């Protein structure tokens, strides 16, 4: 995600610029994202989805909005009415809503594997809507990645495909969010965008609860899981932000795929899932496709840099 220009950012120190330090932060961030995912999975089986969205939205807004206000970022509020921001906010509640629905009946390992499609969706959307040039190598990787979904879903498996398809639709909207973020005015601070996204998610959750009613209200232990969800997501966001502001982001991007390994481990240890060989093979192929797309893009960027002086 491209960072907005808001309050001045401190120059990173030597430790923050260390590759190993940034790689470690990215690995830790992905662990906390996996914890947030698993917390959402646990809650989706216990309480209404509307309450998860509302609770996460309220807690997230309370976490980030005071920081944004303290930094004097409210002067940018009018810019939040631009269409890229509105599209991003729509994506911020459509994506988690679809993924949470899928999580209620779909194993965490499968949903975690499908989330790895996000960078491939981003590549496709960038090609069509941002007019980015994509060679046949990366198109081939996209095709392999999406074909791998068939290994995970195995068309014809009773009671699984429709919910997994909803998860894929949610992942598509995660990619829409990333594309919309690229189009947002860079002067809008990241912290303000995040706070507003959580607030919109809370509003959507509230409206959904009022429209559908509440059948499964939370009990004491559910609040603890919700706290873990907010804590995991908030800490993951904070760690990722440190990485984004401290050096070459592309160099540590491959570590994002550790999220799948964490998710698979959690699904086995805490949810008693046993992903079969086809799910594991499909997840591996999606991950390798995403890594190849990253490697290919990185190589093209380096080639252009080397040729730049020659062109004057």
C-alpha atoms as a PDB file:
ATOM      1  CA  UNK A   1       0.000   0.000   0.000  1.00  0.00           C
ATOM      2  CA  UNK A   2       1.358   3.386  -0.941  1.00  0.00           C
ATOM      3  CA  UNK A   3       1.880   5.581   2.055  1.00  0.00           C
ATOM      4  CA  UNK A   4       0.283   8.987   2.172  1.00  0.00           C
ATOM      5  CA  UNK A   5       2.167  12.162   2.914  1.00  0.00           C
ATOM      6  CA  UNK A   6       0.905  13.441   6.234  1.00  0.00           C
ATOM      7  CA  UNK A   7       2.893  14.197   9.327  1.00  0.00           C
ATOM      8  CA  UNK A   8       6.672  14.135   8.922  1.00  0.00           C
ATOM      9  CA  UNK A   9       8.185  10.687   9.262  1.00  0.00           C
ATOM     10  CA  UNK A  10      11.368  10.177  11.234  1.00  0.00           C
ATOM     11  CA  UNK A  11      14.349   8.956   9.301  1.00  0.00           C
ATOM     12  CA  UNK A  12      14.851   5.263  10.039  1.00  0.00           C
ATOM     13  CA  UNK A  13      17.845   4.417  12.179  1.00  0.00           C
ATOM     14  CA  UNK A  14      20.499   1.836  11.318  1.00  0.00           C
ATOM     15  CA  UNK A  15      18.599  -0.965  13.053  1.00  0.00           C
ATOM     16  CA  UNK A  16      15.382  -0.214  11.176  1.00  0.00           C
ATOM     17  CA  UNK A  17      17.267  -0.205   7.874  1.00  0.00           C
ATOM     18  CA  UNK A  18      18.754  -3.638   8.580  1.00  0.00           C
ATOM     19  CA  UNK A  19      17.414  -6.259   6.179  1.00  0.00           C
ATOM     20  CA  UNK A  20      17.205  -8.911   8.899  1.00  0.00           C
ATOM     21  CA  UNK A  21      15.370  -6.517  11.201  1.00  0.00           C
ATOM     22  CA  UNK A  22      12.801  -5.634   8.538  1.00  0.00           C
ATOM     23  CA  UNK A  23      12.411  -9.282   7.523  1.00  0.00           C
ATOM     24  CA  UNK A  24      11.796 -10.175  11.160  1.00  0.00           C
ATOM     25  CA  UNK A  25       9.164  -7.456  11.486  1.00  0.00           C
ATOM     26  CA  UNK A  26       7.401  -8.692   8.348  1.00  0.00           C
ATOM     27  CA  UNK A  27       7.403 -12.266   9.648  1.00  0.00           C
ATOM     28  CA  UNK A  28       5.997 -11.060  12.973  1.00  0.00           C
ATOM     29  CA  UNK A  29       3.344  -8.974  11.194  1.00  0.00           C
ATOM     30  CA  UNK A  30       2.202 -11.992   9.176  1.00  0.00           C
ATOM     31  CA  UNK A  31       1.997 -14.046  12.373  1.00  0.00           C
ATOM     32  CA  UNK A  32      -0.323 -11.501  13.939  1.00  0.00           C
ATOM     33  CA  UNK A  33      -2.410 -11.346  10.740  1.00  0.00           C
ATOM     34  CA  UNK A  34      -2.764 -15.133  10.977  1.00  0.00           C
ATOM     35  CA  UNK A  35      -3.798 -14.771  14.631  1.00  0.00           C
ATOM     36  CA  UNK A  36      -6.407 -12.198  13.582  1.00  0.00           C
ATOM     37  CA  UNK A  37      -7.667 -14.538  10.831  1.00  0.00           C
ATOM     38  CA  UNK A  38      -7.971 -17.468  13.217  1.00  0.00           C
ATOM     39  CA  UNK A  39      -9.725 -15.276  15.809  1.00  0.00           C
ATOM     40  CA  UNK A  40     -12.213 -14.204  13.142  1.00  0.00           C
ATOM     41  CA  UNK A  41     -12.743 -17.862  12.222  1.00  0.00           C
ATOM     42  CA  UNK A  42     -13.425 -18.766  15.863  1.00  0.00           C
ATOM     43  CA  UNK A  43     -15.853 -15.868  16.295  1.00  0.00           C
ATOM     44  CA  UNK A  44     -17.676 -16.594  13.012  1.00  0.00           C
ATOM     45  CA  UNK A  45     -18.727 -19.952  14.474  1.00  0.00           C
ATOM     46  CA  UNK A  46     -19.979 -18.405  17.746  1.00  0.00           C
ATOM     47  CA  UNK A  47     -21.635 -15.020  17.074  1.00  0.00           C
ATOM     48  CA  UNK A  48     -23.284 -13.119  14.224  1.00  0.00           C
ATOM     49  CA  UNK A  49     -20.961 -11.785  11.548  1.00  0.00           C
ATOM     50  CA  UNK A  50     -22.506  -8.327  11.927  1.00  0.00           C
ATOM     51  CA  UNK A  51     -21.257  -8.180  15.509  1.00  0.00           C
ATOM     52  CA  UNK A  52     -17.735  -9.172  14.452  1.00  0.00           C
ATOM     53  CA  UNK A  53     -17.655  -6.388  11.868  1.00  0.00           C
ATOM     54  CA  UNK A  54     -19.124  -3.883  14.309  1.00  0.00           C
ATOM     55  CA  UNK A  55     -16.802  -4.842  17.166  1.00  0.00           C
ATOM     56  CA  UNK A  56     -13.673  -4.881  15.012  1.00  0.00           C
ATOM     57  CA  UNK A  57     -14.672  -1.592  13.377  1.00  0.00           C
ATOM     58  CA  UNK A  58     -15.339   0.205  16.664  1.00  0.00           C
ATOM     59  CA  UNK A  59     -12.162  -1.064  18.330  1.00  0.00           C
ATOM     60  CA  UNK A  60     -10.067  -0.240  15.275  1.00  0.00           C
ATOM     61  CA  UNK A  61     -11.508   3.262  14.997  1.00  0.00           C
ATOM     62  CA  UNK A  62     -10.903   3.893  18.705  1.00  0.00           C
ATOM     63  CA  UNK A  63      -7.335   2.696  18.247  1.00  0.00           C
ATOM     64  CA  UNK A  64      -6.361   4.772  15.212  1.00  0.00           C
ATOM     65  CA  UNK A  65      -8.669   7.814  15.197  1.00  0.00           C
ATOM     66  CA  UNK A  66      -7.245   9.455  18.357  1.00  0.00           C
ATOM     67  CA  UNK A  67      -3.739   9.147  16.910  1.00  0.00           C
ATOM     68  CA  UNK A  68      -4.920  10.708  13.660  1.00  0.00           C
ATOM     69  CA  UNK A  69      -6.633  13.563  15.532  1.00  0.00           C
ATOM     70  CA  UNK A  70      -3.545  14.166  17.679  1.00  0.00           C
ATOM     71  CA  UNK A  71      -1.451  14.509  14.523  1.00  0.00           C
ATOM     72  CA  UNK A  72      -3.816  17.153  13.148  1.00  0.00           C
ATOM     73  CA  UNK A  73      -4.955  15.038  10.225  1.00  0.00           C
ATOM     74  CA  UNK A  74      -8.643  16.016  10.362  1.00  0.00           C
ATOM     75  CA  UNK A  75      -7.892  18.883   7.992  1.00  0.00           C
ATOM     76  CA  UNK A  76      -7.847  16.256   5.223  1.00  0.00           C
ATOM     77  CA  UNK A  77     -11.412  15.047   5.921  1.00  0.00           C
ATOM     78  CA  UNK A  78     -12.892  16.730   2.824  1.00  0.00           C
ATOM     79  CA  UNK A  79     -10.560  14.722   0.614  1.00  0.00           C
ATOM     80  CA  UNK A  80     -12.101  11.531   1.939  1.00  0.00           C
ATOM     81  CA  UNK A  81     -15.095  12.134  -0.351  1.00  0.00           C
ATOM     82  CA  UNK A  82     -13.045  11.350  -3.463  1.00  0.00           C
ATOM     83  CA  UNK A  83     -14.135   8.271  -5.406  1.00  0.00           C
ATOM     84  CA  UNK A  84     -10.954   6.214  -4.775  1.00  0.00           C
ATOM     85  CA  UNK A  85     -11.450   6.629  -1.011  1.00  0.00           C
ATOM     86  CA  UNK A  86     -15.128   5.715  -1.296  1.00  0.00           C
ATOM     87  CA  UNK A  87     -14.255   2.646  -3.374  1.00  0.00           C
ATOM     88  CA  UNK A  88     -11.617   1.643  -0.828  1.00  0.00           C
ATOM     89  CA  UNK A  89     -14.137   1.963   1.998  1.00  0.00           C
ATOM     90  CA  UNK A  90     -16.657  -0.180   0.116  1.00  0.00           C
ATOM     91  CA  UNK A  91     -13.972  -2.820  -0.338  1.00  0.00           C
ATOM     92  CA  UNK A  92     -13.090  -2.621   3.354  1.00  0.00           C
ATOM     93  CA  UNK A  93     -16.477  -4.004   4.360  1.00  0.00           C
ATOM     94  CA  UNK A  94     -17.355  -6.178   1.334  1.00  0.00           C
ATOM     95  CA  UNK A  95     -14.081  -8.147   1.596  1.00  0.00           C
ATOM     96  CA  UNK A  96     -14.231  -9.074   5.312  1.00  0.00           C
ATOM     97  CA  UNK A  97     -17.973  -9.717   5.083  1.00  0.00           C
ATOM     98  CA  UNK A  98     -17.520 -12.293   2.299  1.00  0.00           C
ATOM     99  CA  UNK A  99     -14.486 -13.893   3.917  1.00  0.00           C
ATOM    100  CA  UNK A 100     -16.242 -14.149   7.283  1.00  0.00           C
ATOM    101  CA  UNK A 101     -19.292 -15.750   5.664  1.00  0.00           C
ATOM    102  CA  UNK A 102     -17.032 -18.317   4.024  1.00  0.00           C
ATOM    103  CA  UNK A 103     -15.201 -18.947   7.301  1.00  0.00           C
ATOM    104  CA  UNK A 104     -18.392 -20.039   9.040  1.00  0.00           C
ATOM    105  CA  UNK A 105     -18.447 -23.305   7.050  1.00  0.00           C
ATOM    106  CA  UNK A 106     -15.091 -23.475   5.256  1.00  0.00           C
ATOM    107  CA  UNK A 107     -11.874 -24.746   6.901  1.00  0.00           C
ATOM    108  CA  UNK A 108      -9.419 -22.024   7.884  1.00  0.00           C
ATOM    109  CA  UNK A 109      -6.667 -23.725   5.868  1.00  0.00           C
ATOM    110  CA  UNK A 110      -8.686 -23.363   2.660  1.00  0.00           C
ATOM    111  CA  UNK A 111      -9.626 -19.720   3.283  1.00  0.00           C
ATOM    112  CA  UNK A 112      -6.013 -18.936   4.184  1.00  0.00           C
ATOM    113  CA  UNK A 113      -4.856 -20.532   0.936  1.00  0.00           C
ATOM    114  CA  UNK A 114      -7.364 -18.575  -1.132  1.00  0.00           C
ATOM    115  CA  UNK A 115      -6.273 -15.278   0.441  1.00  0.00           C
ATOM    116  CA  UNK A 116      -2.918 -15.806  -1.307  1.00  0.00           C
ATOM    117  CA  UNK A 117      -4.722 -15.010  -4.577  1.00  0.00           C
ATOM    118  CA  UNK A 118      -4.775 -11.334  -3.610  1.00  0.00           C
ATOM    119  CA  UNK A 119      -1.514 -10.269  -5.358  1.00  0.00           C
ATOM    120  CA  UNK A 120      -2.595 -12.114  -8.509  1.00  0.00           C
ATOM    121  CA  UNK A 121      -5.922 -10.276  -8.509  1.00  0.00           C
ATOM    122  CA  UNK A 122      -4.018  -7.001  -7.993  1.00  0.00           C
ATOM    123  CA  UNK A 123      -1.883  -7.761 -11.045  1.00  0.00           C
ATOM    124  CA  UNK A 124      -4.924  -8.430 -13.237  1.00  0.00           C
ATOM    125  CA  UNK A 125      -6.769  -5.316 -12.045  1.00  0.00           C
ATOM    126  CA  UNK A 126      -3.648  -3.192 -12.541  1.00  0.00           C
ATOM    127  CA  UNK A 127      -3.382  -4.430 -16.115  1.00  0.00           C
ATOM    128  CA  UNK A 128      -6.989  -3.574 -16.977  1.00  0.00           C
ATOM    129  CA  UNK A 129      -7.626  -0.424 -14.963  1.00  0.00           C
ATOM    130  CA  UNK A 130      -4.190   1.111 -14.413  1.00  0.00           C
ATOM    131  CA  UNK A 131      -2.974   0.112 -17.889  1.00  0.00           C
ATOM    132  CA  UNK A 132       0.176  -1.446 -16.475  1.00  0.00           C
ATOM    133  CA  UNK A 133       2.179  -3.478 -18.965  1.00  0.00           C
ATOM    134  CA  UNK A 134       2.307  -7.177 -18.073  1.00  0.00           C
ATOM    135  CA  UNK A 135       4.320  -9.678 -20.084  1.00  0.00           C
ATOM    136  CA  UNK A 136       3.327 -13.232 -20.889  1.00  0.00           C
ATOM    137  CA  UNK A 137       5.503 -14.623 -18.076  1.00  0.00           C
ATOM    138  CA  UNK A 138       3.393 -12.951 -15.426  1.00  0.00           C
ATOM    139  CA  UNK A 139       0.148 -13.725 -17.231  1.00  0.00           C
ATOM    140  CA  UNK A 140       1.184 -17.388 -17.236  1.00  0.00           C
ATOM    141  CA  UNK A 141       1.787 -17.195 -13.470  1.00  0.00           C
ATOM    142  CA  UNK A 142      -1.656 -15.678 -12.964  1.00  0.00           C
ATOM    143  CA  UNK A 143      -3.266 -18.473 -14.966  1.00  0.00           C
ATOM    144  CA  UNK A 144      -1.388 -21.125 -12.977  1.00  0.00           C
ATOM    145  CA  UNK A 145      -2.357 -19.432  -9.717  1.00  0.00           C
ATOM    146  CA  UNK A 146      -6.046 -19.304 -10.540  1.00  0.00           C
ATOM    147  CA  UNK A 147      -5.993 -22.837 -11.961  1.00  0.00           C
ATOM    148  CA  UNK A 148      -4.557 -23.982  -8.637  1.00  0.00           C
ATOM    149  CA  UNK A 149      -7.822 -22.928  -7.003  1.00  0.00           C
ATOM    150  CA  UNK A 150      -9.423 -25.910  -8.740  1.00  0.00           C
ATOM    151  CA  UNK A 151      -7.100 -28.219  -6.816  1.00  0.00           C
ATOM    152  CA  UNK A 152      -8.220 -26.634  -3.565  1.00  0.00           C
ATOM    153  CA  UNK A 153     -11.937 -26.504  -4.350  1.00  0.00           C
ATOM    154  CA  UNK A 154     -12.200 -29.655  -6.497  1.00  0.00           C
ATOM    155  CA  UNK A 155     -15.480 -28.835  -8.284  1.00  0.00           C
ATOM    156  CA  UNK A 156     -18.202 -31.186  -7.238  1.00  0.00           C
ATOM    157  CA  UNK A 157     -17.226 -31.385  -3.564  1.00  0.00           C
ATOM    158  CA  UNK A 158     -20.549 -31.151  -1.781  1.00  0.00           C
ATOM    159  CA  UNK A 159     -21.194 -28.158   0.450  1.00  0.00           C
ATOM    160  CA  UNK A 160     -17.839 -26.478  -0.160  1.00  0.00           C
ATOM    161  CA  UNK A 161     -17.647 -24.750  -3.526  1.00  0.00           C
ATOM    162  CA  UNK A 162     -20.229 -22.018  -3.036  1.00  0.00           C
ATOM    163  CA  UNK A 163     -18.699 -20.876   0.251  1.00  0.00           C
ATOM    164  CA  UNK A 164     -15.156 -21.043  -1.084  1.00  0.00           C
ATOM    165  CA  UNK A 165     -16.317 -19.062  -4.127  1.00  0.00           C
ATOM    166  CA  UNK A 166     -17.633 -16.389  -1.760  1.00  0.00           C
ATOM    167  CA  UNK A 167     -14.186 -16.324  -0.127  1.00  0.00           C
ATOM    168  CA  UNK A 168     -12.553 -15.830  -3.551  1.00  0.00           C
ATOM    169  CA  UNK A 169     -14.977 -12.956  -4.194  1.00  0.00           C
ATOM    170  CA  UNK A 170     -13.906 -11.423  -0.894  1.00  0.00           C
ATOM    171  CA  UNK A 171     -10.238 -11.760  -1.845  1.00  0.00           C
ATOM    172  CA  UNK A 172     -11.046 -10.031  -5.145  1.00  0.00           C
ATOM    173  CA  UNK A 173     -12.331  -7.068  -3.138  1.00  0.00           C
ATOM    174  CA  UNK A 174      -9.116  -7.049  -1.114  1.00  0.00           C
ATOM    175  CA  UNK A 175      -7.355  -6.483  -4.432  1.00  0.00           C
ATOM    176  CA  UNK A 176      -9.865  -3.753  -5.345  1.00  0.00           C
ATOM    177  CA  UNK A 177      -8.941  -2.065  -2.064  1.00  0.00           C
ATOM    178  CA  UNK A 178      -5.239  -2.159  -2.994  1.00  0.00           C
ATOM    179  CA  UNK A 179      -5.894  -0.718  -6.457  1.00  0.00           C
ATOM    180  CA  UNK A 180      -8.113   2.021  -5.015  1.00  0.00           C
ATOM    181  CA  UNK A 181      -5.360   2.828  -2.508  1.00  0.00           C
ATOM    182  CA  UNK A 182      -2.927   3.440  -5.361  1.00  0.00           C
ATOM    183  CA  UNK A 183      -5.321   6.035  -6.791  1.00  0.00           C
ATOM    184  CA  UNK A 184      -5.897   7.926  -3.539  1.00  0.00           C
ATOM    185  CA  UNK A 185      -4.463  11.416  -3.173  1.00  0.00           C
ATOM    186  CA  UNK A 186      -1.025  10.823  -1.581  1.00  0.00           C
ATOM    187  CA  UNK A 187      -1.491  13.820   0.716  1.00  0.00           C
ATOM    188  CA  UNK A 188      -4.194  11.960   2.681  1.00  0.00           C
ATOM    189  CA  UNK A 189      -2.476  10.416   5.742  1.00  0.00           C
ATOM    190  CA  UNK A 190      -2.451   6.635   6.080  1.00  0.00           C
ATOM    191  CA  UNK A 191      -3.571   6.759   9.731  1.00  0.00           C
ATOM    192  CA  UNK A 192      -6.674   8.770   8.843  1.00  0.00           C
ATOM    193  CA  UNK A 193      -7.540   6.391   5.997  1.00  0.00           C
ATOM    194  CA  UNK A 194      -7.219   3.421   8.334  1.00  0.00           C
ATOM    195  CA  UNK A 195      -9.365   5.004  11.041  1.00  0.00           C
ATOM    196  CA  UNK A 196     -12.119   5.894   8.570  1.00  0.00           C
ATOM    197  CA  UNK A 197     -12.025   2.387   7.090  1.00  0.00           C
ATOM    198  CA  UNK A 198     -12.619   0.888  10.532  1.00  0.00           C
ATOM    199  CA  UNK A 199     -15.409   3.400  11.202  1.00  0.00           C
ATOM    200  CA  UNK A 200     -17.136   2.480   7.931  1.00  0.00           C
ATOM    201  CA  UNK A 201     -16.783  -1.206   8.780  1.00  0.00           C
ATOM    202  CA  UNK A 202     -18.411  -0.554  12.169  1.00  0.00           C
ATOM    203  CA  UNK A 203     -21.283   1.336  10.516  1.00  0.00           C
ATOM    204  CA  UNK A 204     -21.844  -1.492   8.040  1.00  0.00           C
ATOM    205  CA  UNK A 205     -21.830  -4.048  10.851  1.00  0.00           C
ATOM    206  CA  UNK A 206     -24.380  -1.995  12.810  1.00  0.00           C
ATOM    207  CA  UNK A 207     -26.685  -1.626   9.788  1.00  0.00           C
ATOM    208  CA  UNK A 208     -26.378  -5.346   9.069  1.00  0.00           C
ATOM    209  CA  UNK A 209     -27.280  -6.182  12.668  1.00  0.00           C
ATOM    210  CA  UNK A 210     -30.314  -3.876  12.558  1.00  0.00           C
ATOM    211  CA  UNK A 211     -31.446  -5.325   9.217  1.00  0.00           C
ATOM    212  CA  UNK A 212     -30.952  -9.029   9.975  1.00  0.00           C
ATOM    213  CA  UNK A 213     -31.318  -9.035  13.723  1.00  0.00           C
ATOM    214  CA  UNK A 214     -28.983 -10.784  16.165  1.00  0.00           C
ATOM    215  CA  UNK A 215     -29.405 -14.511  16.722  1.00  0.00           C
ATOM    216  CA  UNK A 216     -26.076 -15.310  18.373  1.00  0.00           C
ATOM    217  CA  UNK A 217     -25.057 -12.684  20.923  1.00  0.00           C
ATOM    218  CA  UNK A 218     -21.545 -12.730  22.388  1.00  0.00           C
ATOM    219  CA  UNK A 219     -20.770 -14.155  25.815  1.00  0.00           C
ATOM    220  CA  UNK A 220     -17.781 -13.470  28.071  1.00  0.00           C
ATOM    221  CA  UNK A 221     -15.223 -15.581  26.186  1.00  0.00           C
ATOM    222  CA  UNK A 222     -16.284 -14.074  22.852  1.00  0.00           C
ATOM    223  CA  UNK A 223     -15.160 -10.641  23.987  1.00  0.00           C
ATOM    224  CA  UNK A 224     -11.738 -12.068  24.760  1.00  0.00           C
ATOM    225  CA  UNK A 225     -11.492 -13.530  21.243  1.00  0.00           C
ATOM    226  CA  UNK A 226     -12.616 -10.210  19.763  1.00  0.00           C
ATOM    227  CA  UNK A 227      -9.904  -8.490  21.777  1.00  0.00           C
ATOM    228  CA  UNK A 228      -7.367 -10.927  20.346  1.00  0.00           C
ATOM    229  CA  UNK A 229      -8.674 -10.205  16.846  1.00  0.00           C
ATOM    230  CA  UNK A 230      -8.312  -6.441  17.266  1.00  0.00           C
ATOM    231  CA  UNK A 231      -4.944  -6.779  19.000  1.00  0.00           C
ATOM    232  CA  UNK A 232      -3.599  -9.063  16.249  1.00  0.00           C
ATOM    233  CA  UNK A 233      -4.861  -6.916  13.386  1.00  0.00           C
ATOM    234  CA  UNK A 234      -3.715  -3.669  15.020  1.00  0.00           C
ATOM    235  CA  UNK A 235      -0.236  -4.946  15.847  1.00  0.00           C
ATOM    236  CA  UNK A 236       0.128  -6.477  12.378  1.00  0.00           C
ATOM    237  CA  UNK A 237      -0.796  -3.138  10.805  1.00  0.00           C
ATOM    238  CA  UNK A 238       1.670  -1.271  13.030  1.00  0.00           C
ATOM    239  CA  UNK A 239       4.555  -3.633  12.282  1.00  0.00           C
ATOM    240  CA  UNK A 240       3.820  -3.534   8.557  1.00  0.00           C
ATOM    241  CA  UNK A 241       3.797   0.268   8.664  1.00  0.00           C
ATOM    242  CA  UNK A 242       7.252   0.295  10.295  1.00  0.00           C
ATOM    243  CA  UNK A 243       8.551  -1.947   7.499  1.00  0.00           C
ATOM    244  CA  UNK A 244       6.980   0.219   4.791  1.00  0.00           C
ATOM    245  CA  UNK A 245       8.641   3.326   6.187  1.00  0.00           C
ATOM    246  CA  UNK A 246      12.088   1.920   6.885  1.00  0.00           C
ATOM    247  CA  UNK A 247      13.642   0.770   3.630  1.00  0.00           C
ATOM    248  CA  UNK A 248      13.296  -1.265   0.464  1.00  0.00           C
ATOM    249  CA  UNK A 249       9.811  -2.750   0.791  1.00  0.00           C
ATOM    250  CA  UNK A 250      10.164  -5.052  -2.220  1.00  0.00           C
ATOM    251  CA  UNK A 251      13.099  -6.867  -0.637  1.00  0.00           C
ATOM    252  CA  UNK A 252      10.954  -8.196   2.210  1.00  0.00           C
ATOM    253  CA  UNK A 253       7.684  -8.628   0.282  1.00  0.00           C
ATOM    254  CA  UNK A 254       8.160 -12.411  -0.198  1.00  0.00           C
ATOM    255  CA  UNK A 255       7.936 -12.830   3.572  1.00  0.00           C
ATOM    256  CA  UNK A 256       4.254 -11.912   3.307  1.00  0.00           C
ATOM    257  CA  UNK A 257       3.607 -15.481   2.182  1.00  0.00           C
ATOM    258  CA  UNK A 258       4.625 -16.740   5.623  1.00  0.00           C
ATOM    259  CA  UNK A 259       1.062 -15.831   6.590  1.00  0.00           C
ATOM    260  CA  UNK A 260      -0.118 -19.004   4.851  1.00  0.00           C
ATOM    261  CA  UNK A 261       2.317 -21.190   6.794  1.00  0.00           C
ATOM    262  CA  UNK A 262       1.168 -19.654  10.070  1.00  0.00           C
ATOM    263  CA  UNK A 263      -2.470 -20.111   9.099  1.00  0.00           C
ATOM    264  CA  UNK A 264      -1.973 -23.762   8.150  1.00  0.00           C
ATOM    265  CA  UNK A 265      -0.215 -24.436  11.456  1.00  0.00           C
ATOM    266  CA  UNK A 266      -2.966 -22.737  13.469  1.00  0.00           C
ATOM    267  CA  UNK A 267      -5.684 -24.586  11.545  1.00  0.00           C
ATOM    268  CA  UNK A 268      -4.082 -27.929  12.436  1.00  0.00           C
ATOM    269  CA  UNK A 269      -3.128 -27.192  16.056  1.00  0.00           C
ATOM    270  CA  UNK A 270      -6.128 -25.205  17.277  1.00  0.00           C
ATOM    271  CA  UNK A 271      -8.965 -26.148  14.909  1.00  0.00           C
ATOM    272  CA  UNK A 272      -8.084 -29.801  14.393  1.00  0.00           C
ATOM    273  CA  UNK A 273      -8.156 -29.453  10.613  1.00  0.00           C
ATOM    274  CA  UNK A 274      -6.322 -31.903   8.391  1.00  0.00           C
ATOM    275  CA  UNK A 275      -5.779 -30.288   4.969  1.00  0.00           C
ATOM    276  CA  UNK A 276      -5.482 -33.004   2.333  1.00  0.00           C
ATOM    277  CA  UNK A 277      -2.691 -33.194  -0.201  1.00  0.00           C
ATOM    278  CA  UNK A 278      -4.688 -31.348  -2.875  1.00  0.00           C
ATOM    279  CA  UNK A 279      -5.240 -28.336  -0.638  1.00  0.00           C
ATOM    280  CA  UNK A 280      -1.535 -28.245   0.213  1.00  0.00           C
ATOM    281  CA  UNK A 281      -0.468 -28.615  -3.429  1.00  0.00           C
ATOM    282  CA  UNK A 282      -2.926 -25.926  -4.542  1.00  0.00           C
ATOM    283  CA  UNK A 283      -1.764 -23.560  -1.783  1.00  0.00           C
ATOM    284  CA  UNK A 284       1.872 -24.157  -2.747  1.00  0.00           C
ATOM    285  CA  UNK A 285       1.156 -23.458  -6.412  1.00  0.00           C
ATOM    286  CA  UNK A 286      -0.688 -20.229  -5.628  1.00  0.00           C
ATOM    287  CA  UNK A 287       2.179 -19.109  -3.396  1.00  0.00           C
ATOM    288  CA  UNK A 288       4.824 -19.974  -5.985  1.00  0.00           C
ATOM    289  CA  UNK A 289       2.839 -18.137  -8.659  1.00  0.00           C
ATOM    290  CA  UNK A 290       2.719 -15.036  -6.489  1.00  0.00           C
ATOM    291  CA  UNK A 291       6.425 -15.265  -5.700  1.00  0.00           C
ATOM    292  CA  UNK A 292       7.263 -15.638  -9.381  1.00  0.00           C
ATOM    293  CA  UNK A 293       5.170 -12.584 -10.238  1.00  0.00           C
ATOM    294  CA  UNK A 294       7.063 -10.642  -7.565  1.00  0.00           C
ATOM    295  CA  UNK A 295      10.461 -11.919  -8.776  1.00  0.00           C
ATOM    296  CA  UNK A 296       9.642 -11.114 -12.395  1.00  0.00           C
ATOM    297  CA  UNK A 297       8.459  -7.603 -11.555  1.00  0.00           C
ATOM    298  CA  UNK A 298      11.533  -7.008  -9.402  1.00  0.00           C
ATOM    299  CA  UNK A 299      13.786  -8.163 -12.234  1.00  0.00           C
ATOM    300  CA  UNK A 300      12.088  -5.851 -14.751  1.00  0.00           C
ATOM    301  CA  UNK A 301      12.470  -2.881 -12.390  1.00  0.00           C
ATOM    302  CA  UNK A 302      16.180  -3.585 -11.939  1.00  0.00           C
ATOM    303  CA  UNK A 303      16.641  -3.917 -15.708  1.00  0.00           C
ATOM    304  CA  UNK A 304      14.997  -0.547 -16.302  1.00  0.00           C
ATOM    305  CA  UNK A 305      17.225   1.071 -13.671  1.00  0.00           C
ATOM    306  CA  UNK A 306      20.339  -0.259 -15.350  1.00  0.00           C
ATOM    307  CA  UNK A 307      19.224   1.006 -18.738  1.00  0.00           C
ATOM    308  CA  UNK A 308      18.149   4.443 -17.494  1.00  0.00           C
ATOM    309  CA  UNK A 309      21.616   6.095 -17.672  1.00  0.00           C
ATOM    310  CA  UNK A 310      22.076   4.807 -21.212  1.00  0.00           C
ATOM    311  CA  UNK A 311      18.918   6.559 -22.298  1.00  0.00           C
ATOM    312  CA  UNK A 312      20.243   9.843 -20.977  1.00  0.00           C
END
